[in-house]
Amino acid sequence: MKKILLIGNPNVGKSVIFARLTGIQVVTSNYPGTTVEYRQGFMDLAGERYEVIDMPGTYSLEPTSKAEEVTCEFLGRTCEKERDCIILNIIDATNLERNLHLTLDLIDRGYPVVVILNMCDDIKHRGIAINAQKMEELLGVPVISTCAVTGLGVKVLRERLLEGAPGISPKRRSHEELWQAVGKIIAEVQLLTHRHHTLREMMEDLSIRPFTGLLIGAAVIYAVFKTVRFIGEGLIQYVFDPFFSHVYGPLIGKLSAVLQPGSLIHHILIGELVSGKIEFRDSLGVLTTAPYVEFAMVLPYIIAFYLVLGIIEDIGYLPRFALLLDGLMHKVGLHGFAIIPVLLGFGCNVPGIMATRVLESTRERFIASTLISIAVPCAALQAMLIKLTGPWGIRPLIIVFMTLFLAWVVIGFVLNKVMKGYSPELVLEIPPYRFPPLNVVFVKLWLRVKEFIVDAFPFVILGVLIVNLMYYFEILNVVSRVFEPVMKTVLGLPNTAIFPLLIGFLRKDIAAGLLIPLNLDLKQTIIACVVLSMSFPCIATFIIFFKEMGWKYLLASTGIMIAATLIAGGLLNIIL
């Protein structure tokens, strides 16, 4: 099958072009022997089926990172053997100089290239004019102006895609000649005009300066909290609670009467009746509490959080937040680029730990993986932390996150002193602010929510079933007595909190949901949130940590985790 490879610098819109060509039904794979991902899709063109491959971002065909190595190796292996492959070289029209270096490198090596001049809408706002036709003449390959987020130029791209051919190349081989050629092309095709900064550009500058950037960051975090709570509570009040009360509840009530209360099967499926009726929060049945926890207590906040996260991702704020925290990363012994795995960890710890492969040493990978596992709550858990602390306002949530932040700094600082090594500087692409199309935001939201439902529901059923059986056979009482000294004396939590905390090993957000029926007071809620966040990561994270680092480092990280959790929880019990 013929192949179309999408290649370009990071943050030039490759993924959006990929989605425009293939749709959203794609396959994500790991390159053999690595955790570096690339995506595959298909498109029909001129009566033929093409495989479209979105490669990791690269600045050069002389790789300096694992992701660039994968792109270069894949390119060489695929296009050397299959000369009918086509390279779609996506370049950022707002930063022509940096992007054209890779373009000329591809042309010099004889690959059939089509150049996509993306973000053509942004150049108008920046006082830049680019003569795409003149660039096409100079390069000898098709040059197509597009705006991927709106779809402008994509139709022309599809029409001209098969025109890709080796371009005009005098066979430069030195870096100096390559940069000279870039300069000559820019001088002929690009015109800059004077203009005043727009409000958007002023906001771009303010959001990366230390003082104003931190203020903006604090405002963004506060807005995220308020928005997630508003949307989540609205969904519960007007959608999910009415459904369980007026639609699902009567059906389960009829099933309860058929199964006869008191039988084992009734206890497993329906759970215990409270004052003669089903209570979705407290009955602990597989058909009652399990779906209620998943869909009425957790899912609304997951929807709200992923919606807000998707918007600030696509706007372009997250890389700026990473830049603000770069100095702090060096204090904890990490390469500045480690902020990216940490930020990924705020979405899900599993890809966060897998992304530590981009770091240069085992030392850095261990420190980053340990910090992610202990002090970086995943998106699902963050949503539930907002739910748990919401009745008392934002203050308890601030205490929880400040505790996690201090734990992150202290643990990282100690590991930095104990484990010898150094941390290189951060090189990070900062995209301009853009307003994403709502359809793109909602497609991403749907994919994430669907993944959560599919992944989480089996763990919800398993967790509720285990609690149910432990209550039925009075095993929970034995477990509670074993952990009673730690729970009461050190952490100040009731014995009933032990099992939700243990369930956190299966799924943290579900464990947080199981804390709600316990009616903890403010102090206990804060401590429980911190202990749940810092204690054993979910089993998927645990397994990935083992696969990435091995038993030695997993056991070391586990020891650090237990000690840090007990110290943090104990101090909060004394201070609050």
Protein backbone atom coordinates (compact mmCIF):
# COMPACT_ATOMS: atom_id res chain seq x y z
CA MET A 1 0.00 0.00 0.00
CA LYS A 2 1.26 3.47 -0.89
CA LYS A 3 2.22 5.67 2.03
CA ILE A 4 1.84 9.37 2.83
CA LEU A 5 4.14 10.56 5.64
CA LEU A 6 3.40 13.76 7.55
CA ILE A 7 6.69 15.30 8.68
CA GLY A 8 7.46 18.66 10.27
CA ASN A 9 8.67 20.54 13.34
CA PRO A 10 6.73 20.13 16.58
CA ASN A 11 3.59 22.28 16.96
CA VAL A 12 3.08 23.08 13.28
CA GLY A 13 -0.39 21.50 12.98
CA LYS A 14 0.54 18.01 11.74
CA SER A 15 -2.10 16.31 13.87
CA VAL A 16 -4.89 18.58 12.61
CA ILE A 17 -3.86 18.04 8.96
CA PHE A 18 -3.75 14.31 9.72
CA ALA A 19 -7.30 14.41 11.12
CA ARG A 20 -8.50 16.41 8.10
CA LEU A 21 -7.15 13.77 5.73
CA THR A 22 -8.11 10.60 7.59
CA GLY A 23 -10.95 11.43 10.00
CA ILE A 24 -10.82 10.50 13.69
CA GLN A 25 -10.77 6.69 13.38
CA VAL A 26 -7.03 6.17 13.65
CA VAL A 27 -4.57 3.69 15.15
CA THR A 28 -1.83 4.84 17.54
CA SER A 29 1.22 2.55 17.72
CA ASN A 30 4.57 2.48 19.49
CA TYR A 31 7.63 2.37 17.28
CA PRO A 32 9.30 -1.05 17.81
CA GLY A 33 11.66 -1.04 20.79
CA THR A 34 10.52 2.40 22.03
CA THR A 35 7.59 4.16 23.67
CA VAL A 36 7.57 6.85 20.96
CA GLU A 37 4.14 6.95 19.33
CA TYR A 38 3.09 7.53 15.74
CA ARG A 39 -0.42 7.47 14.29
CA GLN A 40 -1.76 5.64 11.26
CA GLY A 41 -4.90 6.28 9.24
CA PHE A 42 -6.18 5.80 5.71
CA MET A 43 -7.57 7.91 2.89
CA ASP A 44 -8.91 7.23 -0.60
CA LEU A 45 -7.44 9.28 -3.42
CA ALA A 46 -7.83 8.90 -7.19
CA GLY A 47 -9.36 5.46 -6.74
CA GLU A 48 -6.50 4.17 -4.57
CA ARG A 49 -6.13 3.50 -0.85
CA TYR A 50 -3.27 5.32 0.92
CA GLU A 51 -1.85 4.74 4.38
CA VAL A 52 -1.31 8.10 6.11
CA ILE A 53 1.29 8.21 8.90
CA ASP A 54 1.70 11.13 11.33
CA MET A 55 5.31 11.03 12.49
CA PRO A 56 6.74 12.57 15.70
CA GLY A 57 7.91 16.17 15.29
CA THR A 58 11.49 16.71 14.18
CA TYR A 59 13.64 19.76 13.53
CA SER A 60 16.26 17.99 11.44
CA LEU A 61 17.14 14.76 9.69
CA GLU A 62 20.19 14.58 11.97
CA PRO A 63 18.38 13.41 15.13
CA THR A 64 19.13 14.74 18.62
CA SER A 65 16.27 12.99 20.50
CA LYS A 66 14.52 9.63 20.52
CA ALA A 67 11.47 11.04 18.75
CA GLU A 68 13.65 12.48 15.97
CA GLU A 69 15.53 9.16 15.70
CA VAL A 70 12.21 7.36 15.15
CA THR A 71 11.11 9.80 12.45
CA CYS A 72 14.42 9.64 10.59
CA GLU A 73 14.69 5.85 10.80
CA PHE A 74 11.08 5.38 9.67
CA LEU A 75 11.58 7.84 6.82
CA GLY A 76 14.75 6.18 5.62
CA ARG A 77 13.44 2.65 5.95
CA THR A 78 10.07 3.31 4.32
CA CYS A 79 10.86 5.75 1.53
CA GLU A 80 14.14 4.15 0.51
CA LYS A 81 12.37 0.84 -0.13
CA GLU A 82 9.09 2.29 -1.42
CA ARG A 83 9.83 5.14 -3.77
CA ASP A 84 6.11 5.71 -4.33
CA CYS A 85 5.70 7.22 -0.84
CA ILE A 86 4.90 10.94 -0.57
CA ILE A 87 6.21 13.31 2.11
CA LEU A 88 3.81 15.99 3.31
CA ASN A 89 6.14 18.53 4.90
CA ILE A 90 4.01 20.76 7.15
CA ILE A 91 5.68 24.07 7.97
CA ASP A 92 4.64 26.95 10.24
CA ALA A 93 4.14 29.98 8.00
CA THR A 94 4.77 32.30 10.98
CA ASN A 95 8.29 30.89 11.46
CA LEU A 96 9.51 30.23 7.95
CA GLU A 97 13.26 30.37 8.68
CA ARG A 98 13.31 27.56 11.20
CA ASN A 99 10.94 25.31 9.25
CA LEU A 100 12.58 25.62 5.83
CA HIS A 101 15.77 23.99 7.12
CA LEU A 102 13.96 20.64 7.34
CA THR A 103 12.23 21.26 4.00
CA LEU A 104 15.51 21.74 2.14
CA ASP A 105 17.01 18.75 3.93
CA LEU A 106 14.15 16.55 2.65
CA ILE A 107 14.48 17.93 -0.88
CA ASP A 108 18.29 17.50 -0.89
CA ARG A 109 17.85 13.81 -0.06
CA GLY A 110 15.61 13.28 -3.07
CA TYR A 111 12.31 12.55 -1.33
CA PRO A 112 9.05 13.36 -3.17
CA VAL A 113 7.74 16.34 -1.20
CA VAL A 114 4.59 18.42 -0.98
CA VAL A 115 5.02 21.52 1.20
CA ILE A 116 2.03 22.58 3.33
CA LEU A 117 2.32 26.23 4.34
CA ASN A 118 0.12 25.98 7.45
CA MET A 119 -1.21 28.75 9.73
CA CYS A 120 -1.58 31.07 6.76
CA ASP A 121 -4.30 32.93 8.67
CA ASP A 122 -1.86 33.92 11.43
CA ILE A 123 0.68 35.55 9.13
CA LYS A 124 -1.80 38.27 8.13
CA HIS A 125 -2.20 39.28 11.76
CA ARG A 126 1.58 39.41 12.17
CA GLY A 127 2.28 41.65 9.20
CA ILE A 128 3.78 38.81 7.11
CA ALA A 129 3.08 38.15 3.44
CA ILE A 130 4.36 34.97 1.73
CA ASN A 131 4.36 34.38 -2.02
CA ALA A 132 3.52 30.66 -2.14
CA GLN A 133 3.75 30.52 -5.95
CA LYS A 134 7.28 31.97 -5.92
CA MET A 135 8.29 29.51 -3.20
CA GLU A 136 6.96 26.68 -5.34
CA GLU A 137 9.14 27.83 -8.24
CA LEU A 138 12.26 28.05 -6.08
CA LEU A 139 11.76 24.68 -4.37
CA GLY A 140 10.44 22.80 -7.38
CA VAL A 141 7.69 21.12 -5.34
CA PRO A 142 4.00 21.93 -4.75
CA VAL A 143 3.45 24.56 -2.02
CA ILE A 144 -0.10 24.76 -0.65
CA SER A 145 -1.31 27.41 1.81
CA THR A 146 -3.64 26.03 4.51
CA CYS A 147 -5.28 26.83 7.80
CA ALA A 148 -5.74 23.37 9.28
CA VAL A 149 -8.04 24.35 12.14
CA THR A 150 -10.62 25.92 9.78
CA GLY A 151 -10.04 23.58 6.83
CA LEU A 152 -8.94 26.38 4.48
CA GLY A 153 -6.80 24.95 1.66
CA VAL A 154 -7.39 21.28 2.58
CA LYS A 155 -9.48 20.69 -0.56
CA VAL A 156 -6.63 22.06 -2.72
CA LEU A 157 -4.19 19.88 -0.77
CA ARG A 158 -6.18 16.74 -1.60
CA GLU A 159 -6.34 17.75 -5.26
CA ARG A 160 -2.58 18.36 -5.54
CA LEU A 161 -1.32 15.73 -3.11
CA LEU A 162 -0.22 13.31 -5.82
CA GLU A 163 1.93 16.02 -7.48
CA GLY A 164 4.64 15.40 -4.89
CA ALA A 165 8.03 14.92 -6.55
CA PRO A 166 11.74 15.42 -5.80
CA GLY A 167 12.44 19.16 -5.77
CA ILE A 168 15.22 21.41 -7.06
CA SER A 169 18.41 20.64 -5.17
CA PRO A 170 22.03 21.64 -5.84
CA LYS A 171 22.99 18.89 -3.36
CA ARG A 172 24.01 21.08 -0.42
CA ARG A 173 25.65 19.12 2.30
CA SER A 174 26.88 21.50 4.76
CA HIS A 175 24.84 23.33 7.37
CA GLU A 176 26.24 26.69 6.21
CA GLU A 177 25.02 26.16 2.64
CA LEU A 178 21.64 25.01 3.89
CA TRP A 179 21.11 28.13 6.02
CA GLN A 180 22.32 30.37 3.19
CA ALA A 181 19.74 28.78 0.90
CA VAL A 182 17.03 29.30 3.53
CA GLY A 183 17.97 32.99 3.76
CA LYS A 184 17.84 33.47 -0.03
CA ILE A 185 14.42 31.83 -0.31
CA ILE A 186 12.98 33.91 2.53
CA ALA A 187 14.35 37.11 0.99
CA GLU A 188 12.46 36.36 -2.25
CA VAL A 189 9.14 35.02 -0.90
CA GLN A 190 8.51 36.79 2.41
CA LEU A 191 7.57 40.44 2.98
CA LEU A 192 7.41 41.94 6.48
CA THR A 193 5.41 45.09 7.21
CA HIS A 194 5.35 47.21 10.36
CA ARG A 195 2.32 46.79 12.60
CA HIS A 196 1.36 47.27 16.23
CA HIS A 197 0.95 44.31 18.57
CA THR A 198 -2.57 43.02 18.92
CA LEU A 199 -4.19 42.27 22.27
CA ARG A 200 -3.64 38.57 21.64
CA GLU A 201 0.09 39.07 21.07
CA MET A 202 0.37 41.19 24.21
CA MET A 203 -1.30 38.37 26.16
CA GLU A 204 1.18 35.91 24.64
CA ASP A 205 4.06 38.02 25.97
CA LEU A 206 2.50 38.60 29.40
CA SER A 207 1.78 34.90 29.95
CA ILE A 208 5.47 33.90 29.77
CA ARG A 209 6.93 36.71 31.92
CA PRO A 210 7.61 35.57 35.51
CA PHE A 211 5.35 37.96 37.45
CA THR A 212 2.44 38.41 35.05
CA GLY A 213 2.74 34.80 33.91
CA LEU A 214 2.24 33.48 37.45
CA LEU A 215 -0.75 35.79 37.95
CA ILE A 216 -2.29 34.57 34.70
CA GLY A 217 -1.50 30.97 35.70
CA ALA A 218 -3.27 31.43 39.05
CA ALA A 219 -6.26 32.98 37.28
CA VAL A 220 -6.40 30.07 34.81
CA ILE A 221 -6.31 27.50 37.62
CA TYR A 222 -9.08 29.34 39.50
CA ALA A 223 -11.19 29.57 36.34
CA VAL A 224 -10.67 25.85 35.68
CA PHE A 225 -11.87 25.02 39.23
CA LYS A 226 -14.97 27.18 38.96
CA THR A 227 -15.86 26.01 35.46
CA VAL A 228 -15.39 22.30 36.17
CA ARG A 229 -17.49 22.55 39.33
CA PHE A 230 -20.23 24.56 37.59
CA ILE A 231 -20.51 22.18 34.63
CA GLY A 232 -20.12 19.03 36.73
CA GLU A 233 -22.75 19.99 39.29
CA GLY A 234 -25.08 21.15 36.52
CA LEU A 235 -24.85 17.79 34.76
CA ILE A 236 -25.51 15.94 38.02
CA GLN A 237 -28.47 18.10 39.03
CA TYR A 238 -30.22 18.33 35.68
CA VAL A 239 -29.19 15.17 33.82
CA PHE A 240 -27.80 12.25 35.80
CA ASP A 241 -29.66 12.44 39.14
CA PRO A 242 -33.06 12.79 37.42
CA PHE A 243 -32.22 9.81 35.20
CA PHE A 244 -31.34 7.57 38.15
CA SER A 245 -34.32 8.80 40.21
CA HIS A 246 -37.06 8.65 37.59
CA VAL A 247 -35.88 6.18 34.93
CA TYR A 248 -33.28 3.73 36.21
CA GLY A 249 -34.46 3.62 39.86
CA PRO A 250 -37.97 2.22 39.24
CA LEU A 251 -36.55 -0.54 37.01
CA ILE A 252 -34.02 -1.59 39.65
CA GLY A 253 -36.79 -1.47 42.29
CA LYS A 254 -38.80 -4.06 40.34
CA LEU A 255 -35.71 -6.26 39.98
CA SER A 256 -35.08 -5.97 43.75
CA ALA A 257 -38.57 -7.30 44.48
CA VAL A 258 -38.02 -10.26 42.14
CA LEU A 259 -34.62 -11.18 43.65
CA GLN A 260 -35.99 -11.04 47.22
CA PRO A 261 -34.05 -8.89 49.72
CA GLY A 262 -31.80 -10.92 52.01
CA SER A 263 -30.51 -13.37 49.39
CA LEU A 264 -26.85 -13.42 48.36
CA ILE A 265 -27.63 -12.61 44.72
CA HIS A 266 -29.75 -9.64 45.88
CA HIS A 267 -26.91 -8.48 48.10
CA ILE A 268 -24.43 -8.66 45.20
CA LEU A 269 -26.59 -7.08 42.49
CA ILE A 270 -28.78 -4.66 44.48
CA GLY A 271 -26.95 -4.36 47.80
CA GLU A 272 -28.43 -3.48 51.18
CA LEU A 273 -31.74 -1.63 51.40
CA VAL A 274 -31.63 1.53 53.51
CA SER A 275 -34.92 2.08 55.39
CA GLY A 276 -36.53 -0.40 53.04
CA LYS A 277 -35.44 1.29 49.79
CA ILE A 278 -32.50 1.45 47.41
CA GLU A 279 -29.94 4.18 48.06
CA PHE A 280 -27.64 4.43 45.06
CA ARG A 281 -24.74 5.84 47.10
CA ASP A 282 -24.91 3.45 50.04
CA SER A 283 -26.43 0.15 48.90
CA LEU A 284 -23.12 -1.06 47.38
CA GLY A 285 -24.73 -3.24 44.71
CA VAL A 286 -23.17 -4.01 41.33
CA LEU A 287 -26.32 -2.69 39.60
CA THR A 288 -26.90 0.22 41.98
CA THR A 289 -23.84 1.87 43.49
CA ALA A 290 -21.46 0.81 40.67
CA PRO A 291 -23.29 2.60 37.79
CA TYR A 292 -24.19 5.53 40.06
CA VAL A 293 -20.56 6.08 41.07
CA GLU A 294 -19.41 5.82 37.44
CA PHE A 295 -22.07 7.89 35.71
CA ALA A 296 -23.64 10.20 38.31
CA MET A 297 -20.70 10.94 40.62
CA VAL A 298 -17.53 10.68 38.50
CA LEU A 299 -18.46 11.06 34.81
CA PRO A 300 -19.97 14.60 35.05
CA TYR A 301 -16.71 15.98 36.44
CA ILE A 302 -14.67 13.99 33.92
CA ILE A 303 -16.70 15.55 31.10
CA ALA A 304 -16.27 19.03 32.57
CA PHE A 305 -12.54 18.64 33.22
CA TYR A 306 -11.67 17.20 29.81
CA LEU A 307 -13.71 19.91 28.11
CA VAL A 308 -11.78 22.67 29.90
CA LEU A 309 -8.44 20.86 29.46
CA GLY A 310 -9.04 20.44 25.73
CA ILE A 311 -9.77 24.15 25.33
CA ILE A 312 -6.64 25.38 27.14
CA GLU A 313 -4.55 22.77 25.27
CA ASP A 314 -5.76 23.91 21.86
CA ILE A 315 -5.55 27.60 22.71
CA GLY A 316 -1.80 27.11 23.28
CA TYR A 317 -1.51 27.92 26.98
CA LEU A 318 0.09 24.72 28.32
CA PRO A 319 3.58 25.22 26.75
CA ARG A 320 3.70 28.68 28.35
CA PHE A 321 2.87 27.18 31.70
CA ALA A 322 5.71 24.70 31.12
CA LEU A 323 8.12 27.55 30.41
CA LEU A 324 7.18 29.31 33.66
CA LEU A 325 8.00 26.17 35.66
CA ASP A 326 11.30 25.41 33.91
CA GLY A 327 13.48 26.98 36.62
CA LEU A 328 11.74 24.96 39.29
CA MET A 329 12.38 21.73 37.37
CA HIS A 330 16.12 22.24 37.68
CA LYS A 331 15.78 22.54 41.46
CA VAL A 332 14.48 18.98 41.59
CA GLY A 333 17.21 17.57 39.37
CA LEU A 334 15.36 17.32 36.09
CA HIS A 335 15.95 18.33 32.51
CA GLY A 336 13.68 21.29 31.79
CA PHE A 337 11.90 19.17 29.16
CA ALA A 338 10.69 16.91 32.00
CA ILE A 339 7.86 19.38 32.49
CA ILE A 340 6.20 17.76 29.46
CA PRO A 341 5.94 14.27 31.05
CA VAL A 342 4.76 15.98 34.25
CA LEU A 343 2.06 17.89 32.35
CA LEU A 344 1.06 14.68 30.57
CA GLY A 345 0.81 13.09 34.01
CA PHE A 346 -1.88 15.62 34.90
CA GLY A 347 -3.90 14.01 32.12
CA CYS A 348 -2.95 10.42 32.96
CA ASN A 349 0.07 9.09 34.86
CA VAL A 350 0.61 6.24 32.38
CA PRO A 351 1.59 8.35 29.31
CA GLY A 352 3.40 10.71 31.69
CA ILE A 353 5.74 7.95 32.84
CA MET A 354 6.09 6.58 29.32
CA ALA A 355 7.05 10.07 28.11
CA THR A 356 10.08 10.09 30.46
CA ARG A 357 11.80 8.11 27.70
CA VAL A 358 12.71 11.48 26.17
CA LEU A 359 14.96 12.22 29.18
CA GLU A 360 18.65 11.51 28.85
CA SER A 361 19.53 9.37 31.89
CA THR A 362 18.07 6.68 34.15
CA ARG A 363 18.52 9.10 37.05
CA GLU A 364 16.26 11.71 35.46
CA ARG A 365 13.70 9.12 34.42
CA PHE A 366 13.52 7.69 37.96
CA ILE A 367 13.11 11.11 39.57
CA ALA A 368 10.45 12.18 37.04
CA SER A 369 8.54 8.87 37.25
CA THR A 370 8.58 8.92 41.06
CA LEU A 371 7.35 12.52 41.23
CA ILE A 372 4.58 11.79 38.72
CA SER A 373 3.46 8.70 40.65
CA ILE A 374 3.38 10.44 44.03
CA ALA A 375 2.51 14.09 43.52
CA VAL A 376 0.82 14.47 40.11
CA PRO A 377 -2.90 13.59 40.25
CA CYS A 378 -4.36 12.45 36.94
CA ALA A 379 -7.21 14.35 35.27
CA ALA A 380 -9.86 11.95 36.53
CA LEU A 381 -8.61 12.27 40.12
CA GLN A 382 -8.35 16.06 39.81
CA ALA A 383 -11.99 16.19 38.79
CA MET A 384 -12.95 14.13 41.83
CA LEU A 385 -10.80 16.23 44.16
CA ILE A 386 -12.83 19.23 42.98
CA LYS A 387 -16.00 17.24 43.70
CA LEU A 388 -14.89 16.17 47.20
CA THR A 389 -13.71 19.61 48.33
CA GLY A 390 -16.33 21.61 46.42
CA PRO A 391 -18.86 22.00 49.28
CA TRP A 392 -16.26 23.99 51.27
CA GLY A 393 -15.16 26.24 48.38
CA ILE A 394 -11.71 26.51 46.80
CA ARG A 395 -9.67 26.83 50.05
CA PRO A 396 -9.47 23.08 50.84
CA LEU A 397 -8.60 22.32 47.22
CA ILE A 398 -5.76 24.84 47.44
CA ILE A 399 -4.50 23.11 50.61
CA VAL A 400 -4.57 19.71 48.85
CA PHE A 401 -2.68 20.93 45.79
CA MET A 402 -0.22 22.99 47.83
CA THR A 403 0.55 19.87 49.89
CA LEU A 404 1.12 17.86 46.71
CA PHE A 405 3.26 20.66 45.30
CA LEU A 406 5.40 20.85 48.46
CA ALA A 407 5.76 17.06 48.44
CA TRP A 408 6.81 17.24 44.78
CA VAL A 409 9.45 19.89 45.55
CA VAL A 410 10.80 18.26 48.73
CA ILE A 411 10.99 14.74 47.28
CA GLY A 412 12.58 16.03 44.10
CA PHE A 413 15.06 18.18 46.02
CA VAL A 414 16.12 15.22 48.21
CA LEU A 415 16.46 12.87 45.23
CA ASN A 416 18.47 15.54 43.40
CA LYS A 417 20.93 15.65 46.30
CA VAL A 418 21.11 11.88 46.76
CA MET A 419 21.38 10.92 43.09
CA LYS A 420 24.28 12.58 41.30
CA GLY A 421 23.94 14.10 37.85
CA TYR A 422 22.99 17.30 35.99
CA SER A 423 20.00 18.81 34.18
CA PRO A 424 20.36 20.38 30.69
CA GLU A 425 18.39 23.46 29.66
CA LEU A 426 14.87 23.46 28.24
CA VAL A 427 14.23 23.84 24.50
CA LEU A 428 10.48 24.13 23.97
CA GLU A 429 8.33 25.32 21.08
CA ILE A 430 5.84 28.04 22.10
CA PRO A 431 2.90 28.21 19.64
CA PRO A 432 0.85 31.37 19.20
CA TYR A 433 -2.53 31.63 20.89
CA ARG A 434 -5.36 30.35 18.71
CA PHE A 435 -9.06 29.90 19.23
CA PRO A 436 -9.87 26.25 18.45
CA PRO A 437 -12.97 25.28 16.45
CA LEU A 438 -15.63 23.83 18.76
CA ASN A 439 -16.02 20.71 16.63
CA VAL A 440 -12.34 19.84 17.20
CA VAL A 441 -12.72 20.40 20.96
CA PHE A 442 -15.81 18.21 21.17
CA VAL A 443 -14.31 15.41 19.07
CA LYS A 444 -11.34 15.29 21.44
CA LEU A 445 -13.72 15.41 24.43
CA TRP A 446 -15.76 12.50 23.08
CA LEU A 447 -12.67 10.33 22.49
CA ARG A 448 -11.37 10.98 26.01
CA VAL A 449 -14.75 10.42 27.70
CA LYS A 450 -15.33 7.22 25.73
CA GLU A 451 -11.90 5.95 26.75
CA PHE A 452 -12.66 6.75 30.40
CA ILE A 453 -16.01 4.92 30.33
CA VAL A 454 -14.55 1.81 28.69
CA ASP A 455 -11.47 1.71 30.94
CA ALA A 456 -13.07 2.69 34.23
CA PHE A 457 -16.36 0.79 34.39
CA PRO A 458 -14.82 -2.70 34.89
CA PHE A 459 -12.79 -1.31 37.80
CA VAL A 460 -15.90 0.29 39.29
CA ILE A 461 -17.80 -2.99 39.18
CA LEU A 462 -14.81 -4.89 40.60
CA GLY A 463 -14.27 -2.34 43.37
CA VAL A 464 -17.91 -2.25 44.45
CA LEU A 465 -18.12 -6.06 44.27
CA ILE A 466 -15.05 -6.47 46.49
CA VAL A 467 -16.39 -3.99 49.06
CA ASN A 468 -19.78 -5.68 48.89
CA LEU A 469 -18.37 -9.14 49.59
CA MET A 470 -16.02 -7.86 52.29
CA TYR A 471 -19.01 -6.31 54.07
CA TYR A 472 -21.08 -9.47 53.61
CA PHE A 473 -18.40 -11.81 54.98
CA GLU A 474 -17.22 -9.21 57.57
CA ILE A 475 -13.70 -9.19 56.15
CA LEU A 476 -13.64 -5.41 56.14
CA ASN A 477 -13.78 -5.39 59.92
CA VAL A 478 -10.56 -7.44 60.07
CA VAL A 479 -8.79 -5.19 57.57
CA SER A 480 -9.98 -2.11 59.45
CA ARG A 481 -8.57 -3.41 62.75
CA VAL A 482 -5.18 -4.09 61.14
CA PHE A 483 -4.89 -0.54 59.81
CA GLU A 484 -6.71 1.12 62.73
CA PRO A 485 -3.59 2.46 64.49
CA VAL A 486 -2.39 4.16 61.29
CA MET A 487 -5.81 5.39 60.19
CA LYS A 488 -6.89 6.87 63.52
CA THR A 489 -3.67 7.83 65.26
CA VAL A 490 -1.50 9.02 62.37
CA LEU A 491 -4.02 10.17 59.77
CA GLY A 492 -7.09 10.93 61.88
CA LEU A 493 -9.41 9.09 59.48
CA PRO A 494 -12.26 6.70 60.33
CA ASN A 495 -11.76 2.98 59.75
CA THR A 496 -14.39 3.06 57.02
CA ALA A 497 -12.00 5.09 54.86
CA ILE A 498 -9.52 2.24 54.57
CA PHE A 499 -11.18 0.42 51.71
CA PRO A 500 -11.73 3.42 49.40
CA LEU A 501 -8.02 4.19 49.90
CA LEU A 502 -7.10 0.59 49.03
CA ILE A 503 -9.37 0.70 45.97
CA GLY A 504 -7.18 3.56 44.76
CA PHE A 505 -4.72 0.88 43.64
CA LEU A 506 -7.32 -0.14 41.04
CA ARG A 507 -8.68 3.29 40.12
CA LYS A 508 -8.04 6.55 41.98
CA ASP A 509 -11.06 8.51 40.76
CA ILE A 510 -13.42 5.69 41.68
CA ALA A 511 -11.80 5.48 45.12
CA ALA A 512 -12.46 9.20 45.55
CA GLY A 513 -16.07 8.61 44.61
CA LEU A 514 -16.35 5.91 47.30
CA LEU A 515 -15.19 8.44 49.91
CA ILE A 516 -18.28 10.61 49.34
CA PRO A 517 -20.81 8.36 51.16
CA LEU A 518 -18.56 8.37 54.29
CA ASN A 519 -19.59 11.97 55.09
CA LEU A 520 -16.11 13.02 56.19
CA ASP A 521 -15.66 16.42 57.82
CA LEU A 522 -13.48 19.14 56.25
CA LYS A 523 -10.23 18.09 57.95
CA GLN A 524 -10.74 14.42 57.14
CA THR A 525 -11.65 15.25 53.53
CA ILE A 526 -8.41 17.19 53.01
CA ILE A 527 -6.30 14.41 54.57
CA ALA A 528 -8.11 11.68 52.63
CA CYS A 529 -7.60 13.59 49.34
CA VAL A 530 -3.87 14.01 50.00
CA VAL A 531 -3.37 10.39 51.12
CA LEU A 532 -5.32 9.05 48.14
CA SER A 533 -3.34 11.24 45.73
CA MET A 534 0.10 10.37 47.13
CA SER A 535 -0.36 6.68 47.93
CA PHE A 536 0.02 3.79 45.50
CA PRO A 537 -0.76 4.84 41.92
CA CYS A 538 -3.41 2.94 39.99
CA ILE A 539 -2.41 -0.53 38.89
CA ALA A 540 -1.89 0.58 35.26
CA THR A 541 0.67 3.17 36.40
CA PHE A 542 2.28 0.61 38.69
CA ILE A 543 2.73 -1.85 35.82
CA ILE A 544 4.08 0.79 33.43
CA PHE A 545 6.57 1.95 36.09
CA PHE A 546 7.81 -1.63 36.44
CA LYS A 547 8.09 -2.09 32.66
CA GLU A 548 9.96 1.20 32.22
CA MET A 549 12.28 1.12 35.25
CA GLY A 550 12.40 -2.46 36.61
CA TRP A 551 11.83 -3.95 40.10
CA LYS A 552 14.75 -2.17 41.77
CA TYR A 553 13.51 1.31 40.99
CA LEU A 554 9.85 0.33 41.51
CA LEU A 555 10.58 -0.88 45.06
CA ALA A 556 12.65 2.24 45.79
CA SER A 557 9.84 4.47 44.54
CA THR A 558 7.28 2.52 46.57
CA GLY A 559 9.29 2.99 49.75
CA ILE A 560 9.54 6.74 49.09
CA MET A 561 5.81 6.81 48.37
CA ILE A 562 4.77 5.14 51.64
CA ALA A 563 7.04 7.32 53.75
CA ALA A 564 5.98 10.54 52.01
CA THR A 565 2.26 9.70 52.30
CA LEU A 566 2.41 8.96 56.03
CA ILE A 567 4.50 12.07 56.72
CA ALA A 568 2.22 14.36 54.70
CA GLY A 569 -0.98 12.90 56.14
CA GLY A 570 0.40 12.94 59.69
CA LEU A 571 1.52 16.57 59.43
CA LEU A 572 -1.87 17.64 58.08
CA ASN A 573 -3.56 15.80 60.97
CA ILE A 574 -1.46 17.84 63.43
CA ILE A 575 -1.65 21.20 61.65
CA LEU A 576 -5.31 21.35 60.60
